[in-house]
Amino acid sequence: MKGLNKLAFLTAVAATPFASQAMEPMSDAAMGDTTGQAGVTIELDANLSMDQIAYSQGENTGSFLVNNVDIGGIGGPFGDSLDLAINIDLVEDGQTPDDVKPGQNPRPIQRSGLNDGDALISLKNIKNDGSAPVDARIKIGEGDATDNSNNGNAFQLASSDGSNSATLISDLDMDVFLSQLDIIAKIEDLQGNTGTQGSLGIDVAFAIDQLDVSFDVASVSLEGMRMAGPGSMPNLQEPANIGTGGSVTNPAVASMDIGVGGAANPEVSEALNINLSTFEADIWMPTINVGNNTGGASIGSVAISQMVLTDTQMAVYGRD
């Protein structure tokens, strides 16, 4: 039997180069024709919590702290959990995201000119055909401006030994309705070259409802801030629409590309490049308070209409 096993092994090894000549990557369409499976969906029903995120540049430096992070559903008819369907699809030359994404639900942002080899990761609501948005409630911090410990308020600075700290933001609480999140892993880099590190394209359409935040470092707080797409101001200012997700009918949109590139500093050869091609939104801030949490007074409201940010480049790199 040992001789037979060795013969079978040698035969398999000898046949490998000939078999590999016929192996080619399969697109979603080819995979569907062969296996009946076109694309992959991952369903996720979860609540996320983190006690603390600490960023430091060395043991003798201070830290930037993010405390008490909770992410889940917004409750009520939307449910208490973060419910996602994560779809992963491979594309062919010339296809668009809507050509491969499951369901008939066009997105506000549509890319063209995808390449063979690109991968599309898209998020949908797990509980229906994707026509309803993904809802999420994000809470950071405990909202106690008198708590200067290293585990209470949302965003803090702390000394290296933890004996001293300062609160930048004591609490942040908001509801987010996500009607589109497409992440495109591309075989081309930001300069259009192949055979390199590739790049990521991110298209997102969203609305923010009931954002409350306290900027302790400036003694300013916002109550009930809302954000949606251009032309949404009447809808944002209507109290009856608060908490309903109605702003998603015209969401704020952002489109960006992320990859390796240069920087304005000629000494930097490689940096993380974030190129924001567009950001469009209406923003309604009904209550702006000045003063501490117990004695602050409202100074009025602010409405920002037709906010458009385009062709913005950012480079991030480390220093020695």
C-alpha atoms as a PDB file:
ATOM      1  CA  MET A   1       0.000   0.000   0.000  1.00  0.00           C
ATOM      2  CA  LYS A   2       2.874   2.359   0.694  1.00  0.00           C
ATOM      3  CA  GLY A   3       4.095   1.956  -2.891  1.00  0.00           C
ATOM      4  CA  LEU A   4       0.619   2.635  -4.235  1.00  0.00           C
ATOM      5  CA  ASN A   5       0.285   5.795  -2.136  1.00  0.00           C
ATOM      6  CA  LYS A   6       3.639   7.075  -3.388  1.00  0.00           C
ATOM      7  CA  LEU A   7       2.668   6.345  -7.006  1.00  0.00           C
ATOM      8  CA  ALA A   8      -0.645   8.194  -6.602  1.00  0.00           C
ATOM      9  CA  PHE A   9       1.140  11.136  -5.027  1.00  0.00           C
ATOM     10  CA  LEU A  10       3.733  11.377  -7.819  1.00  0.00           C
ATOM     11  CA  THR A  11       1.007  11.138 -10.468  1.00  0.00           C
ATOM     12  CA  ALA A  12      -0.940  13.980  -8.847  1.00  0.00           C
ATOM     13  CA  VAL A  13       2.156  16.171  -8.639  1.00  0.00           C
ATOM     14  CA  ALA A  14       3.039  15.518 -12.279  1.00  0.00           C
ATOM     15  CA  ALA A  15      -0.487  16.403 -13.421  1.00  0.00           C
ATOM     16  CA  THR A  16      -0.617  19.711 -11.517  1.00  0.00           C
ATOM     17  CA  PRO A  17       1.096  21.950 -14.156  1.00  0.00           C
ATOM     18  CA  PHE A  18      -1.247  20.672 -16.887  1.00  0.00           C
ATOM     19  CA  ALA A  19      -4.340  21.202 -14.743  1.00  0.00           C
ATOM     20  CA  SER A  20      -3.283  24.719 -13.746  1.00  0.00           C
ATOM     21  CA  GLN A  21      -3.032  25.828 -17.380  1.00  0.00           C
ATOM     22  CA  ALA A  22      -6.821  25.687 -17.663  1.00  0.00           C
ATOM     23  CA  MET A  23      -7.549  27.494 -14.379  1.00  0.00           C
ATOM     24  CA  GLU A  24      -8.913  31.042 -14.707  1.00  0.00           C
ATOM     25  CA  PRO A  25     -10.598  33.396 -12.216  1.00  0.00           C
ATOM     26  CA  MET A  26     -14.390  33.169 -12.381  1.00  0.00           C
ATOM     27  CA  SER A  27     -16.667  36.176 -12.475  1.00  0.00           C
ATOM     28  CA  ASP A  28     -20.014  36.186 -10.647  1.00  0.00           C
ATOM     29  CA  ALA A  29     -21.791  35.355 -13.902  1.00  0.00           C
ATOM     30  CA  ALA A  30     -19.523  32.382 -14.639  1.00  0.00           C
ATOM     31  CA  MET A  31     -19.793  31.173 -11.066  1.00  0.00           C
ATOM     32  CA  GLY A  32     -23.582  31.400 -11.254  1.00  0.00           C
ATOM     33  CA  ASP A  33     -23.662  29.417 -14.507  1.00  0.00           C
ATOM     34  CA  THR A  34     -21.468  26.710 -12.981  1.00  0.00           C
ATOM     35  CA  THR A  35     -22.698  26.411  -9.411  1.00  0.00           C
ATOM     36  CA  GLY A  36     -25.972  28.303  -9.311  1.00  0.00           C
ATOM     37  CA  GLN A  37     -24.331  30.712  -6.854  1.00  0.00           C
ATOM     38  CA  ALA A  38     -23.682  34.283  -7.992  1.00  0.00           C
ATOM     39  CA  GLY A  39     -22.180  36.337  -5.192  1.00  0.00           C
ATOM     40  CA  VAL A  40     -22.122  35.821  -1.433  1.00  0.00           C
ATOM     41  CA  THR A  41     -24.341  37.328   1.278  1.00  0.00           C
ATOM     42  CA  ILE A  42     -23.382  37.512   4.955  1.00  0.00           C
ATOM     43  CA  GLU A  43     -26.213  38.280   7.381  1.00  0.00           C
ATOM     44  CA  LEU A  44     -25.287  40.090  10.586  1.00  0.00           C
ATOM     45  CA  ASP A  45     -27.538  40.770  13.573  1.00  0.00           C
ATOM     46  CA  ALA A  46     -25.481  42.309  16.348  1.00  0.00           C
ATOM     47  CA  ASN A  47     -24.885  44.933  19.001  1.00  0.00           C
ATOM     48  CA  LEU A  48     -21.378  46.341  19.390  1.00  0.00           C
ATOM     49  CA  SER A  49     -19.896  47.835  22.548  1.00  0.00           C
ATOM     50  CA  MET A  50     -16.369  48.912  23.468  1.00  0.00           C
ATOM     51  CA  ASP A  51     -15.261  50.250  26.843  1.00  0.00           C
ATOM     52  CA  GLN A  52     -12.376  52.281  25.496  1.00  0.00           C
ATOM     53  CA  ILE A  53     -10.221  53.015  22.458  1.00  0.00           C
ATOM     54  CA  ALA A  54      -6.859  54.553  23.394  1.00  0.00           C
ATOM     55  CA  TYR A  55      -4.420  56.096  20.905  1.00  0.00           C
ATOM     56  CA  SER A  56      -0.867  56.902  22.025  1.00  0.00           C
ATOM     57  CA  GLN A  57       2.462  57.585  20.307  1.00  0.00           C
ATOM     58  CA  GLY A  58       4.671  56.086  23.017  1.00  0.00           C
ATOM     59  CA  GLU A  59       4.786  55.064  26.663  1.00  0.00           C
ATOM     60  CA  ASN A  60       5.878  58.553  27.741  1.00  0.00           C
ATOM     61  CA  THR A  61       3.220  60.432  25.796  1.00  0.00           C
ATOM     62  CA  GLY A  62      -0.377  61.051  26.694  1.00  0.00           C
ATOM     63  CA  SER A  63      -3.354  59.345  25.083  1.00  0.00           C
ATOM     64  CA  PHE A  64      -6.440  60.253  23.114  1.00  0.00           C
ATOM     65  CA  LEU A  65      -9.351  58.268  24.525  1.00  0.00           C
ATOM     66  CA  VAL A  66     -12.729  57.282  23.121  1.00  0.00           C
ATOM     67  CA  ASN A  67     -14.913  55.839  25.885  1.00  0.00           C
ATOM     68  CA  ASN A  68     -18.071  53.746  26.109  1.00  0.00           C
ATOM     69  CA  VAL A  69     -18.961  53.107  22.474  1.00  0.00           C
ATOM     70  CA  ASP A  70     -22.307  51.422  21.792  1.00  0.00           C
ATOM     71  CA  ILE A  71     -23.692  50.687  18.307  1.00  0.00           C
ATOM     72  CA  GLY A  72     -26.991  48.923  17.713  1.00  0.00           C
ATOM     73  CA  GLY A  73     -30.467  49.416  16.297  1.00  0.00           C
ATOM     74  CA  ILE A  74     -32.516  52.492  17.154  1.00  0.00           C
ATOM     75  CA  GLY A  75     -35.330  50.489  18.769  1.00  0.00           C
ATOM     76  CA  GLY A  76     -39.059  50.712  18.240  1.00  0.00           C
ATOM     77  CA  PRO A  77     -40.258  49.363  14.884  1.00  0.00           C
ATOM     78  CA  PHE A  78     -36.660  49.352  13.624  1.00  0.00           C
ATOM     79  CA  GLY A  79     -35.462  46.831  16.238  1.00  0.00           C
ATOM     80  CA  ASP A  80     -32.763  46.972  18.898  1.00  0.00           C
ATOM     81  CA  SER A  81     -29.992  45.283  16.903  1.00  0.00           C
ATOM     82  CA  LEU A  82     -27.805  46.345  14.010  1.00  0.00           C
ATOM     83  CA  ASP A  83     -29.269  44.274  11.154  1.00  0.00           C
ATOM     84  CA  LEU A  84     -27.112  44.025   8.022  1.00  0.00           C
ATOM     85  CA  ALA A  85     -26.917  41.981   4.862  1.00  0.00           C
ATOM     86  CA  ILE A  86     -23.358  42.242   3.511  1.00  0.00           C
ATOM     87  CA  ASN A  87     -23.251  41.331  -0.181  1.00  0.00           C
ATOM     88  CA  ILE A  88     -19.950  40.460  -1.884  1.00  0.00           C
ATOM     89  CA  ASP A  89     -19.880  40.362  -5.687  1.00  0.00           C
ATOM     90  CA  LEU A  90     -17.205  40.191  -8.386  1.00  0.00           C
ATOM     91  CA  VAL A  91     -17.710  42.338 -11.472  1.00  0.00           C
ATOM     92  CA  GLU A  92     -16.966  42.194 -15.170  1.00  0.00           C
ATOM     93  CA  ASP A  93     -15.579  44.946 -17.381  1.00  0.00           C
ATOM     94  CA  GLY A  94     -18.031  47.782 -17.859  1.00  0.00           C
ATOM     95  CA  GLN A  95     -20.495  46.679 -15.202  1.00  0.00           C
ATOM     96  CA  THR A  96     -21.928  49.078 -12.631  1.00  0.00           C
ATOM     97  CA  PRO A  97     -22.755  48.252  -8.992  1.00  0.00           C
ATOM     98  CA  ASP A  98     -26.466  47.971  -9.792  1.00  0.00           C
ATOM     99  CA  ASP A  99     -25.656  45.324 -12.427  1.00  0.00           C
ATOM    100  CA  VAL A 100     -24.440  42.921  -9.761  1.00  0.00           C
ATOM    101  CA  LYS A 101     -26.118  43.976  -6.500  1.00  0.00           C
ATOM    102  CA  PRO A 102     -29.112  41.802  -5.575  1.00  0.00           C
ATOM    103  CA  GLY A 103     -32.554  43.411  -5.525  1.00  0.00           C
ATOM    104  CA  GLN A 104     -34.070  46.229  -7.525  1.00  0.00           C
ATOM    105  CA  ASN A 105     -33.069  49.252  -5.504  1.00  0.00           C
ATOM    106  CA  PRO A 106     -31.051  51.897  -7.400  1.00  0.00           C
ATOM    107  CA  ARG A 107     -28.710  53.965  -5.248  1.00  0.00           C
ATOM    108  CA  PRO A 108     -28.255  57.754  -5.226  1.00  0.00           C
ATOM    109  CA  ILE A 109     -24.587  57.315  -6.198  1.00  0.00           C
ATOM    110  CA  GLN A 110     -23.779  55.201  -9.246  1.00  0.00           C
ATOM    111  CA  ARG A 111     -20.252  54.449 -10.437  1.00  0.00           C
ATOM    112  CA  SER A 112     -19.390  53.378 -13.949  1.00  0.00           C
ATOM    113  CA  GLY A 113     -16.410  51.766 -15.605  1.00  0.00           C
ATOM    114  CA  LEU A 114     -15.716  48.967 -13.128  1.00  0.00           C
ATOM    115  CA  ASN A 115     -13.044  46.482 -14.187  1.00  0.00           C
ATOM    116  CA  ASP A 116     -12.753  42.727 -14.395  1.00  0.00           C
ATOM    117  CA  GLY A 117     -11.230  41.749 -11.055  1.00  0.00           C
ATOM    118  CA  ASP A 118     -12.895  44.465  -8.969  1.00  0.00           C
ATOM    119  CA  ALA A 119     -14.953  43.363  -5.962  1.00  0.00           C
ATOM    120  CA  LEU A 120     -18.080  45.098  -4.668  1.00  0.00           C
ATOM    121  CA  ILE A 121     -19.146  44.957  -1.018  1.00  0.00           C
ATOM    122  CA  SER A 122     -22.588  46.456  -0.425  1.00  0.00           C
ATOM    123  CA  LEU A 123     -24.747  46.751   2.691  1.00  0.00           C
ATOM    124  CA  LYS A 124     -28.511  46.348   2.913  1.00  0.00           C
ATOM    125  CA  ASN A 125     -31.186  45.952   5.536  1.00  0.00           C
ATOM    126  CA  ILE A 126     -31.351  42.297   6.522  1.00  0.00           C
ATOM    127  CA  LYS A 127     -35.115  42.232   7.103  1.00  0.00           C
ATOM    128  CA  ASN A 128     -36.455  43.153   3.675  1.00  0.00           C
ATOM    129  CA  ASP A 129     -35.473  43.467   0.029  1.00  0.00           C
ATOM    130  CA  GLY A 130     -33.128  46.352   0.801  1.00  0.00           C
ATOM    131  CA  SER A 131     -35.574  49.144   0.001  1.00  0.00           C
ATOM    132  CA  ALA A 132     -35.545  50.283   3.655  1.00  0.00           C
ATOM    133  CA  PRO A 133     -32.358  51.798   5.097  1.00  0.00           C
ATOM    134  CA  VAL A 134     -30.016  50.216   7.595  1.00  0.00           C
ATOM    135  CA  ASP A 135     -30.659  51.908  10.943  1.00  0.00           C
ATOM    136  CA  ALA A 136     -28.073  52.381  13.675  1.00  0.00           C
ATOM    137  CA  ARG A 137     -27.979  54.181  17.014  1.00  0.00           C
ATOM    138  CA  ILE A 138     -24.499  55.324  17.977  1.00  0.00           C
ATOM    139  CA  LYS A 139     -23.738  56.343  21.547  1.00  0.00           C
ATOM    140  CA  ILE A 140     -20.326  57.402  22.815  1.00  0.00           C
ATOM    141  CA  GLY A 141     -19.667  58.427  26.421  1.00  0.00           C
ATOM    142  CA  GLU A 142     -21.885  58.583  29.463  1.00  0.00           C
ATOM    143  CA  GLY A 143     -22.880  62.229  29.117  1.00  0.00           C
ATOM    144  CA  ASP A 144     -21.633  63.372  32.534  1.00  0.00           C
ATOM    145  CA  ALA A 145     -19.597  66.545  32.090  1.00  0.00           C
ATOM    146  CA  THR A 146     -18.520  66.434  35.758  1.00  0.00           C
ATOM    147  CA  ASP A 147     -16.810  63.051  35.318  1.00  0.00           C
ATOM    148  CA  ASN A 148     -13.155  63.638  34.433  1.00  0.00           C
ATOM    149  CA  SER A 149     -12.069  60.029  34.905  1.00  0.00           C
ATOM    150  CA  ASN A 150     -10.499  58.105  32.053  1.00  0.00           C
ATOM    151  CA  ASN A 151     -13.540  55.910  31.453  1.00  0.00           C
ATOM    152  CA  GLY A 152     -16.556  58.197  31.479  1.00  0.00           C
ATOM    153  CA  ASN A 153     -16.770  60.883  28.845  1.00  0.00           C
ATOM    154  CA  ALA A 154     -16.790  60.360  25.105  1.00  0.00           C
ATOM    155  CA  PHE A 155     -13.521  61.949  23.921  1.00  0.00           C
ATOM    156  CA  GLN A 156     -10.717  62.772  26.333  1.00  0.00           C
ATOM    157  CA  LEU A 157      -7.032  63.576  26.554  1.00  0.00           C
ATOM    158  CA  ALA A 158      -5.101  61.846  29.346  1.00  0.00           C
ATOM    159  CA  SER A 159      -1.558  62.119  30.690  1.00  0.00           C
ATOM    160  CA  SER A 160       0.830  59.180  30.297  1.00  0.00           C
ATOM    161  CA  ASP A 161       0.226  57.935  33.855  1.00  0.00           C
ATOM    162  CA  GLY A 162      -3.502  58.645  33.750  1.00  0.00           C
ATOM    163  CA  SER A 163      -3.363  61.081  36.659  1.00  0.00           C
ATOM    164  CA  ASN A 164      -4.680  64.030  34.641  1.00  0.00           C
ATOM    165  CA  SER A 165      -7.263  64.262  31.874  1.00  0.00           C
ATOM    166  CA  ALA A 166      -9.361  66.764  29.980  1.00  0.00           C
ATOM    167  CA  THR A 167     -12.763  66.228  28.400  1.00  0.00           C
ATOM    168  CA  LEU A 168     -13.140  67.337  24.799  1.00  0.00           C
ATOM    169  CA  ILE A 169     -16.624  65.895  24.204  1.00  0.00           C
ATOM    170  CA  SER A 170     -18.606  64.427  27.089  1.00  0.00           C
ATOM    171  CA  ASP A 171     -21.296  62.632  25.091  1.00  0.00           C
ATOM    172  CA  LEU A 172     -22.429  61.934  21.539  1.00  0.00           C
ATOM    173  CA  ASP A 173     -25.725  60.279  20.646  1.00  0.00           C
ATOM    174  CA  MET A 174     -27.256  59.979  17.167  1.00  0.00           C
ATOM    175  CA  ASP A 175     -29.476  57.861  14.944  1.00  0.00           C
ATOM    176  CA  VAL A 176     -28.171  57.062  11.462  1.00  0.00           C
ATOM    177  CA  PHE A 177     -30.213  55.790   8.506  1.00  0.00           C
ATOM    178  CA  LEU A 178     -27.939  54.269   5.869  1.00  0.00           C
ATOM    179  CA  SER A 179     -29.569  53.857   2.465  1.00  0.00           C
ATOM    180  CA  GLN A 180     -26.339  53.054   0.588  1.00  0.00           C
ATOM    181  CA  LEU A 181     -22.874  51.845   1.452  1.00  0.00           C
ATOM    182  CA  ASP A 182     -20.868  50.481  -1.463  1.00  0.00           C
ATOM    183  CA  ILE A 183     -17.209  49.583  -0.954  1.00  0.00           C
ATOM    184  CA  ILE A 184     -15.381  48.814  -4.191  1.00  0.00           C
ATOM    185  CA  ALA A 185     -12.032  47.018  -3.952  1.00  0.00           C
ATOM    186  CA  LYS A 186     -10.297  47.966  -7.199  1.00  0.00           C
ATOM    187  CA  ILE A 187      -7.372  46.369  -9.015  1.00  0.00           C
ATOM    188  CA  GLU A 188      -6.229  49.847 -10.091  1.00  0.00           C
ATOM    189  CA  ASP A 189      -4.479  52.292  -7.796  1.00  0.00           C
ATOM    190  CA  LEU A 190      -5.481  55.949  -7.534  1.00  0.00           C
ATOM    191  CA  GLN A 191      -3.363  56.736 -10.601  1.00  0.00           C
ATOM    192  CA  GLY A 192      -5.061  54.052 -12.724  1.00  0.00           C
ATOM    193  CA  ASN A 193      -2.118  51.632 -12.653  1.00  0.00           C
ATOM    194  CA  THR A 194      -2.543  47.878 -12.217  1.00  0.00           C
ATOM    195  CA  GLY A 195      -0.219  45.403 -10.548  1.00  0.00           C
ATOM    196  CA  THR A 196       0.170  47.674  -7.502  1.00  0.00           C
ATOM    197  CA  GLN A 197      -1.590  47.936  -4.146  1.00  0.00           C
ATOM    198  CA  GLY A 198      -4.994  48.648  -5.677  1.00  0.00           C
ATOM    199  CA  SER A 199      -7.420  51.089  -4.054  1.00  0.00           C
ATOM    200  CA  LEU A 200     -10.840  51.417  -2.457  1.00  0.00           C
ATOM    201  CA  GLY A 201     -13.858  53.378  -3.630  1.00  0.00           C
ATOM    202  CA  ILE A 202     -16.562  54.218  -1.081  1.00  0.00           C
ATOM    203  CA  ASP A 203     -20.021  55.572  -1.918  1.00  0.00           C
ATOM    204  CA  VAL A 204     -22.381  56.325   0.960  1.00  0.00           C
ATOM    205  CA  ALA A 205     -25.870  57.814   1.211  1.00  0.00           C
ATOM    206  CA  PHE A 206     -27.256  58.515   4.681  1.00  0.00           C
ATOM    207  CA  ALA A 207     -29.389  60.653   6.961  1.00  0.00           C
ATOM    208  CA  ILE A 208     -28.696  61.648  10.582  1.00  0.00           C
ATOM    209  CA  ASP A 209     -31.559  62.071  13.031  1.00  0.00           C
ATOM    210  CA  GLN A 210     -31.493  63.510  16.549  1.00  0.00           C
ATOM    211  CA  LEU A 211     -27.770  64.101  16.991  1.00  0.00           C
ATOM    212  CA  ASP A 212     -27.005  65.374  20.496  1.00  0.00           C
ATOM    213  CA  VAL A 213     -23.414  66.285  21.319  1.00  0.00           C
ATOM    214  CA  SER A 214     -21.660  68.307  24.020  1.00  0.00           C
ATOM    215  CA  PHE A 215     -18.367  70.006  23.096  1.00  0.00           C
ATOM    216  CA  ASP A 216     -17.051  70.587  26.611  1.00  0.00           C
ATOM    217  CA  VAL A 217     -13.788  72.040  25.327  1.00  0.00           C
ATOM    218  CA  ALA A 218     -15.801  74.965  23.867  1.00  0.00           C
ATOM    219  CA  SER A 219     -18.770  74.875  26.280  1.00  0.00           C
ATOM    220  CA  VAL A 220     -21.134  74.379  23.330  1.00  0.00           C
ATOM    221  CA  SER A 221     -23.751  71.683  22.819  1.00  0.00           C
ATOM    222  CA  LEU A 222     -26.116  70.749  19.998  1.00  0.00           C
ATOM    223  CA  GLU A 223     -29.539  69.195  20.468  1.00  0.00           C
ATOM    224  CA  GLY A 224     -31.564  67.421  17.820  1.00  0.00           C
ATOM    225  CA  MET A 225     -29.268  68.092  14.853  1.00  0.00           C
ATOM    226  CA  ARG A 226     -30.453  66.478  11.613  1.00  0.00           C
ATOM    227  CA  MET A 227     -28.807  65.961   8.218  1.00  0.00           C
ATOM    228  CA  ALA A 228     -30.069  64.786   4.824  1.00  0.00           C
ATOM    229  CA  GLY A 229     -29.573  65.572   1.143  1.00  0.00           C
ATOM    230  CA  PRO A 230     -29.764  68.960  -0.609  1.00  0.00           C
ATOM    231  CA  GLY A 231     -33.332  70.247  -0.767  1.00  0.00           C
ATOM    232  CA  SER A 232     -34.358  68.445   2.441  1.00  0.00           C
ATOM    233  CA  MET A 233     -34.555  71.462   4.753  1.00  0.00           C
ATOM    234  CA  PRO A 234     -38.394  71.614   4.998  1.00  0.00           C
ATOM    235  CA  ASN A 235     -38.411  67.913   5.873  1.00  0.00           C
ATOM    236  CA  LEU A 236     -35.618  68.327   8.432  1.00  0.00           C
ATOM    237  CA  GLN A 237     -37.421  71.205  10.140  1.00  0.00           C
ATOM    238  CA  GLU A 238     -40.707  69.280  10.463  1.00  0.00           C
ATOM    239  CA  PRO A 239     -40.949  67.885  14.038  1.00  0.00           C
ATOM    240  CA  ALA A 240     -43.343  65.127  12.933  1.00  0.00           C
ATOM    241  CA  ASN A 241     -40.566  63.554  10.863  1.00  0.00           C
ATOM    242  CA  ILE A 242     -38.158  63.153  13.776  1.00  0.00           C
ATOM    243  CA  GLY A 243     -37.264  59.518  14.415  1.00  0.00           C
ATOM    244  CA  THR A 244     -39.168  58.181  11.410  1.00  0.00           C
ATOM    245  CA  GLY A 245     -36.332  57.756   8.913  1.00  0.00           C
ATOM    246  CA  GLY A 246     -38.249  59.904   6.458  1.00  0.00           C
ATOM    247  CA  SER A 247     -35.149  61.938   5.609  1.00  0.00           C
ATOM    248  CA  VAL A 248     -33.716  58.928   3.786  1.00  0.00           C
ATOM    249  CA  THR A 249     -35.963  59.624   0.795  1.00  0.00           C
ATOM    250  CA  ASN A 250     -33.389  62.292  -0.080  1.00  0.00           C
ATOM    251  CA  PRO A 251     -30.177  61.320   1.742  1.00  0.00           C
ATOM    252  CA  ALA A 252     -26.900  63.151   2.097  1.00  0.00           C
ATOM    253  CA  VAL A 253     -24.280  61.621  -0.193  1.00  0.00           C
ATOM    254  CA  ALA A 254     -20.507  61.247  -0.164  1.00  0.00           C
ATOM    255  CA  SER A 255     -18.149  59.572  -2.629  1.00  0.00           C
ATOM    256  CA  MET A 256     -14.444  59.011  -2.032  1.00  0.00           C
ATOM    257  CA  ASP A 257     -11.418  56.980  -3.105  1.00  0.00           C
ATOM    258  CA  ILE A 258      -8.735  55.689  -0.741  1.00  0.00           C
ATOM    259  CA  GLY A 259      -5.295  54.366  -1.626  1.00  0.00           C
ATOM    260  CA  VAL A 260      -1.552  54.901  -1.604  1.00  0.00           C
ATOM    261  CA  GLY A 261      -0.182  58.069  -3.183  1.00  0.00           C
ATOM    262  CA  GLY A 262       2.123  60.984  -2.643  1.00  0.00           C
ATOM    263  CA  ALA A 263       1.881  64.128  -0.534  1.00  0.00           C
ATOM    264  CA  ALA A 264       2.574  67.832  -0.888  1.00  0.00           C
ATOM    265  CA  ASN A 265       5.692  67.278   1.229  1.00  0.00           C
ATOM    266  CA  PRO A 266       8.364  66.219  -1.334  1.00  0.00           C
ATOM    267  CA  GLU A 267      10.143  64.120   1.307  1.00  0.00           C
ATOM    268  CA  VAL A 268       7.142  61.788   1.591  1.00  0.00           C
ATOM    269  CA  SER A 269       7.144  59.040  -1.046  1.00  0.00           C
ATOM    270  CA  GLU A 270       4.064  57.154   0.141  1.00  0.00           C
ATOM    271  CA  ALA A 271       1.049  58.364   2.084  1.00  0.00           C
ATOM    272  CA  LEU A 272      -2.521  57.332   2.685  1.00  0.00           C
ATOM    273  CA  ASN A 273      -4.535  59.377   0.186  1.00  0.00           C
ATOM    274  CA  ILE A 274      -8.224  60.102   0.776  1.00  0.00           C
ATOM    275  CA  ASN A 275      -9.806  61.822  -2.200  1.00  0.00           C
ATOM    276  CA  LEU A 276     -13.320  63.106  -1.543  1.00  0.00           C
ATOM    277  CA  SER A 277     -14.956  63.724  -4.894  1.00  0.00           C
ATOM    278  CA  THR A 278     -18.290  64.901  -3.514  1.00  0.00           C
ATOM    279  CA  PHE A 279     -20.217  65.544  -0.304  1.00  0.00           C
ATOM    280  CA  GLU A 280     -23.709  67.052  -0.482  1.00  0.00           C
ATOM    281  CA  ALA A 281     -26.066  67.752   2.414  1.00  0.00           C
ATOM    282  CA  ASP A 282     -28.593  69.986   4.168  1.00  0.00           C
ATOM    283  CA  ILE A 283     -27.985  70.421   7.915  1.00  0.00           C
ATOM    284  CA  TRP A 284     -30.503  71.635  10.510  1.00  0.00           C
ATOM    285  CA  MET A 285     -29.350  72.573  14.042  1.00  0.00           C
ATOM    286  CA  PRO A 286     -32.501  73.594  15.942  1.00  0.00           C
ATOM    287  CA  THR A 287     -30.869  74.187  19.322  1.00  0.00           C
ATOM    288  CA  ILE A 288     -27.364  75.490  19.997  1.00  0.00           C
ATOM    289  CA  ASN A 289     -26.521  75.907  23.666  1.00  0.00           C
ATOM    290  CA  VAL A 290     -23.625  77.905  25.077  1.00  0.00           C
ATOM    291  CA  GLY A 291     -22.569  77.245  28.653  1.00  0.00           C
ATOM    292  CA  ASN A 292     -22.134  74.095  30.711  1.00  0.00           C
ATOM    293  CA  ASN A 293     -24.649  71.271  30.720  1.00  0.00           C
ATOM    294  CA  THR A 294     -26.510  72.530  33.779  1.00  0.00           C
ATOM    295  CA  GLY A 295     -26.580  76.261  33.075  1.00  0.00           C
ATOM    296  CA  GLY A 296     -26.316  76.571  29.299  1.00  0.00           C
ATOM    297  CA  ALA A 297     -28.717  78.727  27.311  1.00  0.00           C
ATOM    298  CA  SER A 298     -29.797  78.438  23.690  1.00  0.00           C
ATOM    299  CA  ILE A 299     -28.482  81.083  21.313  1.00  0.00           C
ATOM    300  CA  GLY A 300     -30.818  80.042  18.499  1.00  0.00           C
ATOM    301  CA  SER A 301     -30.752  77.735  15.485  1.00  0.00           C
ATOM    302  CA  VAL A 302     -28.692  77.320  12.305  1.00  0.00           C
ATOM    303  CA  ALA A 303     -29.823  75.974   8.925  1.00  0.00           C
ATOM    304  CA  ILE A 304     -27.240  75.090   6.256  1.00  0.00           C
ATOM    305  CA  SER A 305     -28.758  74.492   2.819  1.00  0.00           C
ATOM    306  CA  GLN A 306     -27.176  73.017  -0.300  1.00  0.00           C
ATOM    307  CA  MET A 307     -23.776  72.332   1.267  1.00  0.00           C
ATOM    308  CA  VAL A 308     -21.489  70.921  -1.448  1.00  0.00           C
ATOM    309  CA  LEU A 309     -17.865  69.880  -0.994  1.00  0.00           C
ATOM    310  CA  THR A 310     -15.998  68.658  -4.100  1.00  0.00           C
ATOM    311  CA  ASP A 311     -12.531  67.636  -5.290  1.00  0.00           C
ATOM    312  CA  THR A 312     -10.926  67.495  -1.858  1.00  0.00           C
ATOM    313  CA  GLN A 313      -7.643  65.620  -1.359  1.00  0.00           C
ATOM    314  CA  MET A 314      -6.089  64.575   1.940  1.00  0.00           C
ATOM    315  CA  ALA A 315      -2.769  62.817   2.579  1.00  0.00           C
ATOM    316  CA  VAL A 316      -1.963  61.109   5.890  1.00  0.00           C
ATOM    317  CA  TYR A 317       1.563  59.984   6.807  1.00  0.00           C
ATOM    318  CA  GLY A 318       3.778  59.444   9.816  1.00  0.00           C
ATOM    319  CA  ARG A 319       6.858  61.406  10.840  1.00  0.00           C
ATOM    320  CA  ASP A 320      10.121  60.225  12.342  1.00  0.00           C
END
